[in-house]
Amino acid sequence: MKKWLFLILIVIVAGFTLMSGYNGLVKAEEQINSVWAKVESQYQRRMDLVPNLVNTVKGQANFEKDTLTGVIEARAKATQTKIDPTNMDEQQLAQFQQQQNSLGSALSRLLVTVEKYPELKAHSGFLNLQAQLEGTENRITKARNDFNDAAKVYNQKVRQFPTKLIAMIFGFKDKPYFKSVSGAENAPVVEFN
């Protein structure tokens, strides 16, 4: 009789451990999905600002068309990549990040080129859009950092024992992190002419 009670107790403890581990993994994965939605929301905010910025700059009759075309093309490519956070892998995130970085670079070139046009720099609509874009870039950075924090918590759960066994059984896999852009470790060169 004691043998059966002991066996039943072990089964109950194992069941609760399994249930607790599984629920913890689900909770952590849902946190990642939620944080990923915020990342996408901030990138979408930036993409929504781009057409307004481009149209404001287009009003400048002699503005460089190549710069505007570069922004428009980079935005189009960036809108094509969608990621399902439940199946996200390193390669998908790298591709997403590369396209978003291309758009960011194109926008930076646009803003640098604007320096040659004092009347555009003084235009209140442009100044407002530029301020919104700067704020959005800060929000993107925060959302990416929040995603990395959530991925860290989730990845720790996936790799720690005994939840590692539960993760293997139910197919929970590590989530990738946002990484810095290649060359970010080098300080920018500032030259005064």
N, C-alpha and C. Protein backbone atom coordinates (compact mmCIF):
# COMPACT_ATOMS: atom_id res chain seq x y z
N MET A 1 0.81 -1.19 0.00
CA MET A 1 0.00 0.00 0.00
C MET A 1 0.85 1.26 0.00
N LYS A 2 1.91 1.26 0.84
CA LYS A 2 2.80 2.40 0.89
C LYS A 2 3.49 2.61 -0.45
N LYS A 3 3.77 1.50 -1.13
CA LYS A 3 4.42 1.58 -2.44
C LYS A 3 3.53 2.35 -3.43
N TRP A 4 2.24 2.02 -3.40
CA TRP A 4 1.31 2.69 -4.31
C TRP A 4 1.14 4.16 -3.97
N LEU A 5 1.07 4.48 -2.71
CA LEU A 5 0.96 5.88 -2.31
C LEU A 5 2.20 6.67 -2.74
N PHE A 6 3.35 6.06 -2.53
CA PHE A 6 4.60 6.70 -2.94
C PHE A 6 4.62 6.92 -4.45
N LEU A 7 4.20 5.92 -5.21
CA LEU A 7 4.15 6.01 -6.67
C LEU A 7 3.16 7.09 -7.12
N ILE A 8 2.01 7.14 -6.49
CA ILE A 8 1.00 8.15 -6.82
C ILE A 8 1.53 9.54 -6.50
N LEU A 9 2.22 9.67 -5.37
CA LEU A 9 2.81 10.95 -4.99
C LEU A 9 3.85 11.40 -6.01
N ILE A 10 4.69 10.49 -6.47
CA ILE A 10 5.70 10.82 -7.48
C ILE A 10 5.03 11.26 -8.78
N VAL A 11 3.99 10.56 -9.18
CA VAL A 11 3.27 10.92 -10.41
C VAL A 11 2.64 12.31 -10.27
N ILE A 12 2.06 12.61 -9.13
CA ILE A 12 1.45 13.92 -8.89
C ILE A 12 2.50 15.01 -8.92
N VAL A 13 3.62 14.81 -8.24
CA VAL A 13 4.71 15.80 -8.23
C VAL A 13 5.25 16.01 -9.65
N ALA A 14 5.46 14.92 -10.37
CA ALA A 14 5.96 15.03 -11.76
C ALA A 14 4.95 15.77 -12.63
N GLY A 15 3.67 15.49 -12.43
CA GLY A 15 2.63 16.18 -13.20
C GLY A 15 2.62 17.67 -12.93
N PHE A 16 2.71 18.04 -11.66
CA PHE A 16 2.74 19.46 -11.33
C PHE A 16 4.01 20.14 -11.86
N THR A 17 5.13 19.44 -11.81
CA THR A 17 6.38 19.98 -12.35
C THR A 17 6.26 20.20 -13.86
N LEU A 18 5.70 19.22 -14.54
CA LEU A 18 5.49 19.33 -15.98
C LEU A 18 4.55 20.48 -16.30
N MET A 19 3.45 20.57 -15.58
CA MET A 19 2.47 21.61 -15.83
C MET A 19 3.06 22.99 -15.54
N SER A 20 3.76 23.12 -14.45
CA SER A 20 4.37 24.40 -14.06
C SER A 20 5.42 24.83 -15.08
N GLY A 21 6.27 23.90 -15.48
CA GLY A 21 7.30 24.21 -16.48
C GLY A 21 6.70 24.61 -17.81
N TYR A 22 5.71 23.87 -18.26
CA TYR A 22 5.05 24.18 -19.53
C TYR A 22 4.37 25.55 -19.47
N ASN A 23 3.63 25.80 -18.39
CA ASN A 23 2.95 27.09 -18.26
C ASN A 23 3.94 28.25 -18.18
N GLY A 24 5.08 28.03 -17.53
CA GLY A 24 6.11 29.07 -17.48
C GLY A 24 6.68 29.38 -18.85
N LEU A 25 6.89 28.34 -19.65
CA LEU A 25 7.38 28.54 -21.01
C LEU A 25 6.35 29.26 -21.87
N VAL A 26 5.09 28.88 -21.73
CA VAL A 26 4.03 29.55 -22.50
C VAL A 26 3.96 31.02 -22.11
N LYS A 27 4.02 31.32 -20.83
CA LYS A 27 3.98 32.70 -20.35
C LYS A 27 5.15 33.51 -20.91
N ALA A 28 6.34 32.94 -20.88
CA ALA A 28 7.52 33.63 -21.40
C ALA A 28 7.42 33.83 -22.91
N GLU A 29 6.88 32.83 -23.62
CA GLU A 29 6.73 32.96 -25.07
C GLU A 29 5.68 34.03 -25.42
N GLU A 30 4.62 34.08 -24.66
CA GLU A 30 3.60 35.11 -24.89
C GLU A 30 4.17 36.50 -24.61
N GLN A 31 5.05 36.61 -23.62
CA GLN A 31 5.71 37.89 -23.35
C GLN A 31 6.55 38.31 -24.54
N ILE A 32 7.27 37.37 -25.14
CA ILE A 32 8.05 37.68 -26.33
C ILE A 32 7.15 38.12 -27.48
N ASN A 33 6.04 37.41 -27.67
CA ASN A 33 5.11 37.77 -28.75
C ASN A 33 4.58 39.18 -28.54
N SER A 34 4.26 39.52 -27.31
CA SER A 34 3.76 40.85 -26.98
C SER A 34 4.82 41.93 -27.24
N VAL A 35 6.02 41.67 -26.79
CA VAL A 35 7.10 42.64 -26.97
C VAL A 35 7.45 42.76 -28.46
N TRP A 36 7.41 41.63 -29.19
CA TRP A 36 7.68 41.68 -30.63
C TRP A 36 6.64 42.55 -31.34
N ALA A 37 5.39 42.47 -30.92
CA ALA A 37 4.33 43.30 -31.51
C ALA A 37 4.65 44.78 -31.30
N LYS A 38 5.24 45.11 -30.17
CA LYS A 38 5.62 46.51 -29.91
C LYS A 38 6.79 46.92 -30.82
N VAL A 39 7.71 46.01 -31.06
CA VAL A 39 8.82 46.29 -31.99
C VAL A 39 8.25 46.60 -33.38
N GLU A 40 7.36 45.71 -33.84
CA GLU A 40 6.76 45.92 -35.17
C GLU A 40 5.96 47.22 -35.21
N SER A 41 5.28 47.54 -34.13
CA SER A 41 4.49 48.77 -34.07
C SER A 41 5.38 50.00 -34.24
N GLN A 42 6.54 49.99 -33.61
CA GLN A 42 7.44 51.14 -33.73
C GLN A 42 8.04 51.24 -35.14
N TYR A 43 8.39 50.09 -35.72
CA TYR A 43 8.88 50.12 -37.10
C TYR A 43 7.77 50.58 -38.04
N GLN A 44 6.53 50.17 -37.78
CA GLN A 44 5.41 50.62 -38.61
C GLN A 44 5.22 52.12 -38.47
N ARG A 45 5.37 52.65 -37.28
CA ARG A 45 5.27 54.10 -37.07
C ARG A 45 6.29 54.82 -37.94
N ARG A 46 7.51 54.30 -37.98
CA ARG A 46 8.53 54.92 -38.81
C ARG A 46 8.13 54.85 -40.27
N MET A 47 7.63 53.69 -40.69
CA MET A 47 7.25 53.55 -42.11
C MET A 47 6.08 54.46 -42.46
N ASP A 48 5.20 54.71 -41.52
CA ASP A 48 4.10 55.62 -41.77
C ASP A 48 4.57 57.07 -41.89
N LEU A 49 5.64 57.42 -41.21
CA LEU A 49 6.18 58.78 -41.29
C LEU A 49 6.94 59.03 -42.60
N VAL A 50 7.51 57.98 -43.17
CA VAL A 50 8.36 58.14 -44.35
C VAL A 50 7.63 58.81 -45.52
N PRO A 51 6.43 58.38 -45.91
CA PRO A 51 5.78 59.05 -47.05
C PRO A 51 5.53 60.54 -46.79
N ASN A 52 5.17 60.90 -45.55
CA ASN A 52 4.97 62.32 -45.23
C ASN A 52 6.28 63.09 -45.36
N LEU A 53 7.36 62.50 -44.88
CA LEU A 53 8.66 63.14 -44.96
C LEU A 53 9.08 63.30 -46.42
N VAL A 54 8.91 62.25 -47.21
CA VAL A 54 9.28 62.29 -48.62
C VAL A 54 8.45 63.33 -49.35
N ASN A 55 7.15 63.38 -49.10
CA ASN A 55 6.30 64.37 -49.78
C ASN A 55 6.65 65.79 -49.38
N THR A 56 7.02 66.00 -48.14
CA THR A 56 7.45 67.33 -47.71
C THR A 56 8.73 67.74 -48.42
N VAL A 57 9.67 66.81 -48.54
CA VAL A 57 10.95 67.10 -49.19
C VAL A 57 10.76 67.25 -50.70
N LYS A 58 9.84 66.49 -51.29
CA LYS A 58 9.58 66.60 -52.74
C LYS A 58 9.16 68.01 -53.12
N GLY A 59 8.55 68.72 -52.20
CA GLY A 59 8.12 70.09 -52.47
C GLY A 59 9.29 70.99 -52.82
N GLN A 60 10.46 70.60 -52.44
CA GLN A 60 11.67 71.36 -52.79
C GLN A 60 12.03 71.00 -54.23
N ALA A 61 11.83 71.89 -55.15
CA ALA A 61 11.90 71.61 -56.59
C ALA A 61 13.21 70.96 -57.03
N ASN A 62 14.34 71.41 -56.51
CA ASN A 62 15.62 70.90 -57.01
C ASN A 62 16.27 69.89 -56.07
N PHE A 63 15.48 69.26 -55.22
CA PHE A 63 16.02 68.28 -54.29
C PHE A 63 16.48 67.04 -55.03
N GLU A 64 17.57 66.42 -54.57
CA GLU A 64 18.14 65.25 -55.23
C GLU A 64 17.14 64.09 -55.28
N LYS A 65 16.77 63.70 -56.49
CA LYS A 65 15.78 62.63 -56.69
C LYS A 65 16.33 61.27 -56.27
N ASP A 66 17.63 61.03 -56.45
CA ASP A 66 18.23 59.74 -56.08
C ASP A 66 18.06 59.46 -54.58
N THR A 67 18.21 60.49 -53.78
CA THR A 67 18.07 60.33 -52.34
C THR A 67 16.64 59.93 -51.99
N LEU A 68 15.68 60.61 -52.60
CA LEU A 68 14.26 60.29 -52.35
C LEU A 68 13.93 58.89 -52.84
N THR A 69 14.44 58.52 -54.01
CA THR A 69 14.19 57.18 -54.56
C THR A 69 14.76 56.12 -53.64
N GLY A 70 15.93 56.37 -53.09
CA GLY A 70 16.56 55.43 -52.16
C GLY A 70 15.70 55.20 -50.92
N VAL A 71 15.12 56.27 -50.40
CA VAL A 71 14.25 56.14 -49.22
C VAL A 71 12.99 55.35 -49.57
N ILE A 72 12.39 55.67 -50.70
CA ILE A 72 11.16 55.00 -51.12
C ILE A 72 11.41 53.51 -51.35
N GLU A 73 12.50 53.17 -52.02
CA GLU A 73 12.82 51.76 -52.28
C GLU A 73 13.14 51.01 -50.98
N ALA A 74 13.89 51.65 -50.08
CA ALA A 74 14.23 51.00 -48.81
C ALA A 74 12.96 50.76 -47.98
N ARG A 75 12.03 51.70 -48.02
CA ARG A 75 10.77 51.53 -47.28
C ARG A 75 9.98 50.36 -47.87
N ALA A 76 9.94 50.29 -49.19
CA ALA A 76 9.19 49.20 -49.84
C ALA A 76 9.76 47.84 -49.45
N LYS A 77 11.09 47.72 -49.43
CA LYS A 77 11.71 46.44 -49.04
C LYS A 77 11.45 46.12 -47.58
N ALA A 78 11.50 47.15 -46.74
CA ALA A 78 11.32 46.94 -45.30
C ALA A 78 9.89 46.49 -44.97
N THR A 79 8.93 46.89 -45.78
CA THR A 79 7.55 46.49 -45.49
C THR A 79 7.26 45.06 -45.93
N GLN A 80 8.13 44.46 -46.71
CA GLN A 80 7.89 43.12 -47.23
C GLN A 80 8.22 42.00 -46.23
N THR A 81 9.06 42.28 -45.26
CA THR A 81 9.49 41.24 -44.33
C THR A 81 8.60 41.23 -43.10
N LYS A 82 7.93 40.11 -42.91
CA LYS A 82 7.11 39.90 -41.72
C LYS A 82 7.64 38.66 -41.00
N ILE A 83 7.64 38.71 -39.68
CA ILE A 83 8.16 37.59 -38.89
C ILE A 83 7.07 37.11 -37.94
N ASP A 84 6.90 35.80 -37.89
CA ASP A 84 6.03 35.17 -36.90
C ASP A 84 6.90 34.92 -35.67
N PRO A 85 6.64 35.61 -34.57
CA PRO A 85 7.54 35.48 -33.41
C PRO A 85 7.59 34.07 -32.82
N THR A 86 6.56 33.26 -33.06
CA THR A 86 6.59 31.90 -32.50
C THR A 86 7.58 31.01 -33.25
N ASN A 87 7.87 31.33 -34.51
CA ASN A 87 8.81 30.53 -35.31
C ASN A 87 10.05 31.32 -35.70
N MET A 88 10.32 32.39 -35.01
CA MET A 88 11.43 33.27 -35.35
C MET A 88 12.76 32.54 -35.19
N ASP A 89 13.65 32.76 -36.17
CA ASP A 89 14.99 32.21 -36.03
C ASP A 89 16.01 33.31 -36.33
N GLU A 90 17.25 32.97 -36.13
CA GLU A 90 18.36 33.93 -36.28
C GLU A 90 18.39 34.55 -37.67
N GLN A 91 18.20 33.74 -38.69
CA GLN A 91 18.27 34.19 -40.08
C GLN A 91 17.13 35.16 -40.41
N GLN A 92 15.92 34.84 -39.97
CA GLN A 92 14.78 35.73 -40.23
C GLN A 92 14.99 37.08 -39.56
N LEU A 93 15.42 37.05 -38.31
CA LEU A 93 15.63 38.31 -37.59
C LEU A 93 16.75 39.11 -38.23
N ALA A 94 17.80 38.46 -38.69
CA ALA A 94 18.91 39.16 -39.35
C ALA A 94 18.43 39.82 -40.64
N GLN A 95 17.61 39.12 -41.41
CA GLN A 95 17.08 39.69 -42.65
C GLN A 95 16.17 40.89 -42.35
N PHE A 96 15.31 40.73 -41.35
CA PHE A 96 14.43 41.82 -40.94
C PHE A 96 15.26 43.03 -40.52
N GLN A 97 16.26 42.78 -39.69
CA GLN A 97 17.10 43.85 -39.18
C GLN A 97 17.87 44.52 -40.30
N GLN A 98 18.36 43.75 -41.26
CA GLN A 98 19.11 44.32 -42.38
C GLN A 98 18.22 45.27 -43.20
N GLN A 99 16.99 44.87 -43.46
CA GLN A 99 16.10 45.73 -44.24
C GLN A 99 15.72 46.98 -43.46
N GLN A 100 15.51 46.84 -42.17
CA GLN A 100 15.20 48.01 -41.36
C GLN A 100 16.41 48.95 -41.27
N ASN A 101 17.60 48.37 -41.18
CA ASN A 101 18.82 49.19 -41.15
C ASN A 101 19.02 49.92 -42.47
N SER A 102 18.66 49.28 -43.57
CA SER A 102 18.76 49.94 -44.89
C SER A 102 17.84 51.15 -44.94
N LEU A 103 16.64 51.00 -44.43
CA LEU A 103 15.72 52.14 -44.38
C LEU A 103 16.28 53.23 -43.48
N GLY A 104 16.81 52.85 -42.34
CA GLY A 104 17.41 53.83 -41.43
C GLY A 104 18.56 54.58 -42.08
N SER A 105 19.39 53.86 -42.84
CA SER A 105 20.52 54.51 -43.54
C SER A 105 20.02 55.47 -44.61
N ALA A 106 18.99 55.04 -45.35
CA ALA A 106 18.43 55.91 -46.39
C ALA A 106 17.84 57.17 -45.78
N LEU A 107 17.18 57.03 -44.65
CA LEU A 107 16.63 58.21 -43.97
C LEU A 107 17.74 59.11 -43.46
N SER A 108 18.81 58.53 -42.96
CA SER A 108 19.95 59.33 -42.50
C SER A 108 20.56 60.12 -43.66
N ARG A 109 20.71 59.47 -44.83
CA ARG A 109 21.24 60.18 -46.00
C ARG A 109 20.31 61.32 -46.40
N LEU A 110 19.00 61.08 -46.31
CA LEU A 110 18.03 62.12 -46.64
C LEU A 110 18.20 63.31 -45.70
N LEU A 111 18.31 63.04 -44.41
CA LEU A 111 18.43 64.13 -43.44
C LEU A 111 19.75 64.88 -43.59
N VAL A 112 20.81 64.18 -43.97
CA VAL A 112 22.09 64.85 -44.20
C VAL A 112 22.00 65.74 -45.45
N THR A 113 21.35 65.23 -46.49
CA THR A 113 21.19 65.99 -47.72
C THR A 113 20.37 67.25 -47.50
N VAL A 114 19.42 67.19 -46.60
CA VAL A 114 18.55 68.33 -46.31
C VAL A 114 19.36 69.52 -45.81
N GLU A 115 20.52 69.25 -45.22
CA GLU A 115 21.36 70.33 -44.71
C GLU A 115 21.71 71.36 -45.80
N LYS A 116 21.69 70.94 -47.07
CA LYS A 116 22.02 71.83 -48.18
C LYS A 116 20.87 72.77 -48.54
N TYR A 117 19.71 72.55 -47.92
CA TYR A 117 18.50 73.30 -48.30
C TYR A 117 17.97 74.07 -47.08
N PRO A 118 18.49 75.28 -46.85
CA PRO A 118 18.11 76.04 -45.65
C PRO A 118 16.61 76.33 -45.57
N GLU A 119 15.97 76.56 -46.71
CA GLU A 119 14.53 76.86 -46.65
C GLU A 119 13.72 75.63 -46.25
N LEU A 120 14.19 74.45 -46.62
CA LEU A 120 13.52 73.22 -46.22
C LEU A 120 13.76 72.96 -44.73
N LYS A 121 15.00 73.21 -44.28
CA LYS A 121 15.32 73.01 -42.87
C LYS A 121 14.48 73.91 -41.98
N ALA A 122 14.05 75.06 -42.49
CA ALA A 122 13.26 76.01 -41.71
C ALA A 122 11.75 75.73 -41.81
N HIS A 123 11.35 74.86 -42.72
CA HIS A 123 9.92 74.55 -42.94
C HIS A 123 9.36 73.84 -41.70
N SER A 124 8.31 74.38 -41.11
CA SER A 124 7.79 73.84 -39.85
C SER A 124 7.28 72.40 -40.00
N GLY A 125 6.68 72.08 -41.15
CA GLY A 125 6.20 70.71 -41.37
C GLY A 125 7.36 69.73 -41.39
N PHE A 126 8.46 70.12 -42.04
CA PHE A 126 9.63 69.25 -42.09
C PHE A 126 10.24 69.09 -40.69
N LEU A 127 10.36 70.19 -39.97
CA LEU A 127 10.93 70.13 -38.62
C LEU A 127 10.10 69.23 -37.72
N ASN A 128 8.77 69.30 -37.84
CA ASN A 128 7.89 68.45 -37.05
C ASN A 128 8.10 66.98 -37.40
N LEU A 129 8.16 66.68 -38.70
CA LEU A 129 8.38 65.30 -39.13
C LEU A 129 9.74 64.79 -38.68
N GLN A 130 10.74 65.64 -38.76
CA GLN A 130 12.08 65.25 -38.33
C GLN A 130 12.09 64.93 -36.84
N ALA A 131 11.40 65.74 -36.04
CA ALA A 131 11.33 65.48 -34.60
C ALA A 131 10.58 64.18 -34.32
N GLN A 132 9.49 63.94 -35.06
CA GLN A 132 8.74 62.68 -34.88
C GLN A 132 9.60 61.48 -35.25
N LEU A 133 10.38 61.63 -36.31
CA LEU A 133 11.25 60.53 -36.75
C LEU A 133 12.32 60.24 -35.70
N GLU A 134 12.91 61.28 -35.14
CA GLU A 134 13.91 61.08 -34.08
C GLU A 134 13.30 60.38 -32.88
N GLY A 135 12.09 60.81 -32.49
CA GLY A 135 11.41 60.16 -31.38
C GLY A 135 11.10 58.70 -31.67
N THR A 136 10.72 58.44 -32.91
CA THR A 136 10.41 57.06 -33.31
C THR A 136 11.65 56.20 -33.27
N GLU A 137 12.78 56.72 -33.71
CA GLU A 137 14.03 55.96 -33.66
C GLU A 137 14.38 55.61 -32.20
N ASN A 138 14.13 56.53 -31.28
CA ASN A 138 14.36 56.23 -29.87
C ASN A 138 13.42 55.15 -29.37
N ARG A 139 12.16 55.20 -29.82
CA ARG A 139 11.18 54.17 -29.42
C ARG A 139 11.57 52.81 -29.99
N ILE A 140 12.08 52.80 -31.21
CA ILE A 140 12.52 51.54 -31.83
C ILE A 140 13.65 50.93 -31.00
N THR A 141 14.60 51.76 -30.61
CA THR A 141 15.71 51.26 -29.79
C THR A 141 15.20 50.68 -28.48
N LYS A 142 14.28 51.36 -27.83
CA LYS A 142 13.72 50.86 -26.57
C LYS A 142 12.97 49.54 -26.81
N ALA A 143 12.17 49.48 -27.86
CA ALA A 143 11.40 48.26 -28.14
C ALA A 143 12.33 47.09 -28.43
N ARG A 144 13.42 47.35 -29.17
CA ARG A 144 14.38 46.29 -29.45
C ARG A 144 15.06 45.81 -28.17
N ASN A 145 15.42 46.74 -27.29
CA ASN A 145 16.03 46.35 -26.01
C ASN A 145 15.06 45.55 -25.15
N ASP A 146 13.78 45.97 -25.14
CA ASP A 146 12.77 45.22 -24.39
C ASP A 146 12.62 43.81 -24.96
N PHE A 147 12.67 43.69 -26.29
CA PHE A 147 12.58 42.37 -26.92
C PHE A 147 13.75 41.50 -26.48
N ASN A 148 14.95 42.06 -26.51
CA ASN A 148 16.13 41.29 -26.10
C ASN A 148 16.02 40.85 -24.63
N ASP A 149 15.47 41.72 -23.78
CA ASP A 149 15.27 41.35 -22.37
C ASP A 149 14.29 40.19 -22.25
N ALA A 150 13.17 40.26 -22.98
CA ALA A 150 12.17 39.18 -22.94
C ALA A 150 12.75 37.89 -23.52
N ALA A 151 13.54 38.00 -24.58
CA ALA A 151 14.17 36.82 -25.18
C ALA A 151 15.15 36.18 -24.20
N LYS A 152 15.84 37.00 -23.42
CA LYS A 152 16.79 36.48 -22.43
C LYS A 152 16.05 35.65 -21.38
N VAL A 153 14.95 36.17 -20.86
CA VAL A 153 14.17 35.45 -19.86
C VAL A 153 13.66 34.14 -20.43
N TYR A 154 13.11 34.21 -21.64
CA TYR A 154 12.57 33.01 -22.29
C TYR A 154 13.69 31.99 -22.54
N ASN A 155 14.80 32.44 -23.11
CA ASN A 155 15.91 31.53 -23.43
C ASN A 155 16.48 30.88 -22.17
N GLN A 156 16.50 31.60 -21.07
CA GLN A 156 16.95 31.01 -19.82
C GLN A 156 16.02 29.87 -19.41
N LYS A 157 14.72 30.09 -19.55
CA LYS A 157 13.76 29.04 -19.20
C LYS A 157 13.93 27.82 -20.10
N VAL A 158 14.15 28.07 -21.39
CA VAL A 158 14.30 26.97 -22.36
C VAL A 158 15.56 26.16 -22.07
N ARG A 159 16.58 26.78 -21.53
CA ARG A 159 17.86 26.10 -21.34
C ARG A 159 18.06 25.55 -19.93
N GLN A 160 17.26 25.99 -18.94
CA GLN A 160 17.45 25.54 -17.57
C GLN A 160 16.72 24.22 -17.32
N PHE A 161 17.32 23.41 -16.45
CA PHE A 161 16.71 22.15 -16.07
C PHE A 161 15.71 22.43 -14.95
N PRO A 162 14.57 21.84 -14.91
CA PRO A 162 13.99 20.78 -15.71
C PRO A 162 13.17 21.28 -16.90
N THR A 163 13.00 22.62 -17.01
CA THR A 163 12.17 23.12 -18.12
C THR A 163 12.80 22.83 -19.47
N LYS A 164 14.10 22.58 -19.51
CA LYS A 164 14.74 22.21 -20.78
C LYS A 164 14.11 20.93 -21.33
N LEU A 165 13.86 19.99 -20.47
CA LEU A 165 13.22 18.73 -20.90
C LEU A 165 11.81 19.00 -21.43
N ILE A 166 11.09 19.84 -20.73
CA ILE A 166 9.72 20.19 -21.15
C ILE A 166 9.76 20.94 -22.48
N ALA A 167 10.73 21.84 -22.62
CA ALA A 167 10.88 22.59 -23.88
C ALA A 167 11.18 21.65 -25.04
N MET A 168 12.03 20.66 -24.79
CA MET A 168 12.35 19.69 -25.85
C MET A 168 11.11 18.88 -26.23
N ILE A 169 10.35 18.45 -25.24
CA ILE A 169 9.15 17.64 -25.49
C ILE A 169 8.13 18.41 -26.30
N PHE A 170 7.91 19.68 -25.94
CA PHE A 170 6.85 20.47 -26.56
C PHE A 170 7.34 21.39 -27.68
N GLY A 171 8.62 21.34 -28.02
CA GLY A 171 9.14 22.07 -29.18
C GLY A 171 9.42 23.54 -28.97
N PHE A 172 9.66 23.96 -27.73
CA PHE A 172 10.05 25.35 -27.49
C PHE A 172 11.52 25.49 -27.85
N LYS A 173 11.84 26.50 -28.66
CA LYS A 173 13.23 26.72 -29.10
C LYS A 173 13.70 28.11 -28.69
N ASP A 174 15.03 28.27 -28.60
CA ASP A 174 15.61 29.58 -28.29
C ASP A 174 15.12 30.63 -29.27
N LYS A 175 15.03 31.87 -28.80
CA LYS A 175 14.67 33.02 -29.65
C LYS A 175 15.95 33.82 -29.91
N PRO A 176 16.07 34.37 -31.11
CA PRO A 176 17.26 35.17 -31.42
C PRO A 176 17.19 36.55 -30.77
N TYR A 177 18.32 37.21 -30.73
CA TYR A 177 18.42 38.57 -30.19
C TYR A 177 18.67 39.55 -31.34
N PHE A 178 18.26 40.80 -31.13
CA PHE A 178 18.70 41.86 -32.02
C PHE A 178 20.17 42.08 -31.73
N LYS A 179 20.94 42.29 -32.78
CA LYS A 179 22.38 42.52 -32.61
C LYS A 179 22.72 43.88 -33.20
N SER A 180 23.85 44.39 -32.80
CA SER A 180 24.27 45.69 -33.33
C SER A 180 24.67 45.53 -34.80
N VAL A 181 24.60 46.64 -35.49
CA VAL A 181 24.95 46.67 -36.90
C VAL A 181 26.46 46.44 -37.02
N SER A 182 26.85 45.72 -38.05
CA SER A 182 28.28 45.47 -38.25
C SER A 182 29.01 46.80 -38.41
N GLY A 183 30.09 46.95 -37.69
CA GLY A 183 30.86 48.19 -37.72
C GLY A 183 30.47 49.15 -36.60
N ALA A 184 29.44 48.80 -35.82
CA ALA A 184 28.97 49.69 -34.75
C ALA A 184 30.01 49.85 -33.64
N GLU A 185 30.94 48.91 -33.58
CA GLU A 185 31.96 49.00 -32.54
C GLU A 185 33.01 50.07 -32.84
N ASN A 186 33.03 50.56 -34.07
CA ASN A 186 33.99 51.61 -34.46
C ASN A 186 33.36 52.98 -34.28
N ALA A 187 34.10 53.88 -33.67
CA ALA A 187 33.60 55.23 -33.49
C ALA A 187 33.53 55.95 -34.84
N PRO A 188 32.51 56.77 -35.05
CA PRO A 188 32.41 57.49 -36.32
C PRO A 188 33.54 58.51 -36.45
N VAL A 189 33.97 58.74 -37.67
CA VAL A 189 35.02 59.71 -37.95
C VAL A 189 34.35 61.06 -38.23
N VAL A 190 34.75 62.06 -37.48
CA VAL A 190 34.20 63.40 -37.68
C VAL A 190 35.29 64.25 -38.29
N GLU A 191 34.95 64.86 -39.43
CA GLU A 191 35.91 65.71 -40.11
C GLU A 191 35.32 67.10 -40.28
N PHE A 192 36.10 68.11 -39.95
CA PHE A 192 35.68 69.48 -40.14
C PHE A 192 36.45 70.05 -41.32
N ASN A 193 35.73 70.62 -42.25
CA ASN A 193 36.38 71.20 -43.45
C ASN A 193 36.67 72.66 -43.26
